[in-house]
Amino acid sequence: MKTARSAPQQVTFRDEACLTVQRPALSCTACKDICPTGAVRISGRNVDISDAACSGCGRCSAVCPTGALSVDGFQAAAIYECMRVPEKTRTGKVVPCLGGIMPSHMRRALRDGDVTLMDRGWCAGCPASGGEPAPWSEAIDTVNREAQVLGLAQRVRVESAPMPQWRARRAPASPTRNPSRRALFAWVTQAPKTQVRTNRLAQLPETVNASALRERAAELVDLSEGRPLPAVLFPFLSRGSRNLDMHMVAAVCPTAALEVAETDHEDRLMFDAAICVGCGECARASSGALEVSKPGAEELYSPILLAARACRTCSRCRTRFNPEHDQTICDNCRKDTELAMAAHGLMRHKRAGD
């Protein structure tokens, strides 16, 4: 099934980067769970965003693990101010909601010094925050942890600068200020439309576009001024005690962080933690052959070799197989040859008896 969705004008949705669309078995509902207005619906591989219900707060994009969602009105800045603050008292970049600032925005701004979020004390009662007093906390914790690991002096800080509630401007509203009851009822009650894909690979899992994860790694390299990155900044895998099916674990990885590289004489399972979402599917599928673990304190990030196995391409059927010694054809072709030779011997024996 291919996703069918609509999105408000201020929301950009990339279905090729969405875990729900490409790997529904992972059951990612981060955007739906965080949306304060219930504008996001998920059904199977379908993501639907209501134009009438979306306020453009950006909360969905801030929590999306793969960068499938982005919302207009957000960018890197040294100081962030809520759009509800009166114009004459604003001190920084105005955003629809402080909870919609993505970690990537903060990383880019950290290059030039501290980043400050101005807390006016209104979030707990704001519809855009869903009643959370600090909707920015997860993003700030993530970026500050990264900065600490990299040994940076700069941080993302929250400055408490309370203002009377009566001075607050209206909270972000949907683009359609007064949507009709009929339109809202239709969106709530009707299931998202679907399209049936006709290609023969329709039922196979698809790879999630990991460009946002690569951009995160590039941002961290920029912050570290080109120094090697500590491995602790990324998910980490290690080999367990059981036998490992390399092709199987590579197939279940949604972002191709696990990939089998084939050479003339060997198959290699490579792991690139920079594009790993930490879903743990590979560990579960391998039944202990791979384990989610923590790197050593001194380990540095780089794509690593998890497993290697002697492998060749059969000179007859061209399939990959595990050779023994100087074996050049696979076991199936060898058995076919032996059967053919046995049949030929029987025929010769029969003719000689005649």
Foldseek 3Di string as FASTA:
>chain_A
DAEDEDAAPQKAFALLQACQQQPVVLVDDQLCVQALQNQWDGDRNYIYGDLQRDLQQQLSQQPGLQNRMDGPQEAAWQEEEEPQADPVPDDIRYGLHLLNHHLVSLLVNPLPAAHEYEQQQCLLPASRRNNDRCSNVVSQVLNQVLCVQLVHPYGYYYDYDHDDPVNTHHHRHRPPNDDDPVVVVCVVPDDRDDDDDDDPCRPAGAARARVVLVVVVVSSCVSSVNDFAAPQSFWDKAFFDDDFDLVVLCRPQRHSQWDWDDDAWKIWTKGQRSRHSPSCPSVVVRVGRMDTDGDDSPHTGDIDTRDMATWHQAPPPRHIDHDDDPDRHHPVVVVVVVVVVVVVVVVVVVVVVD
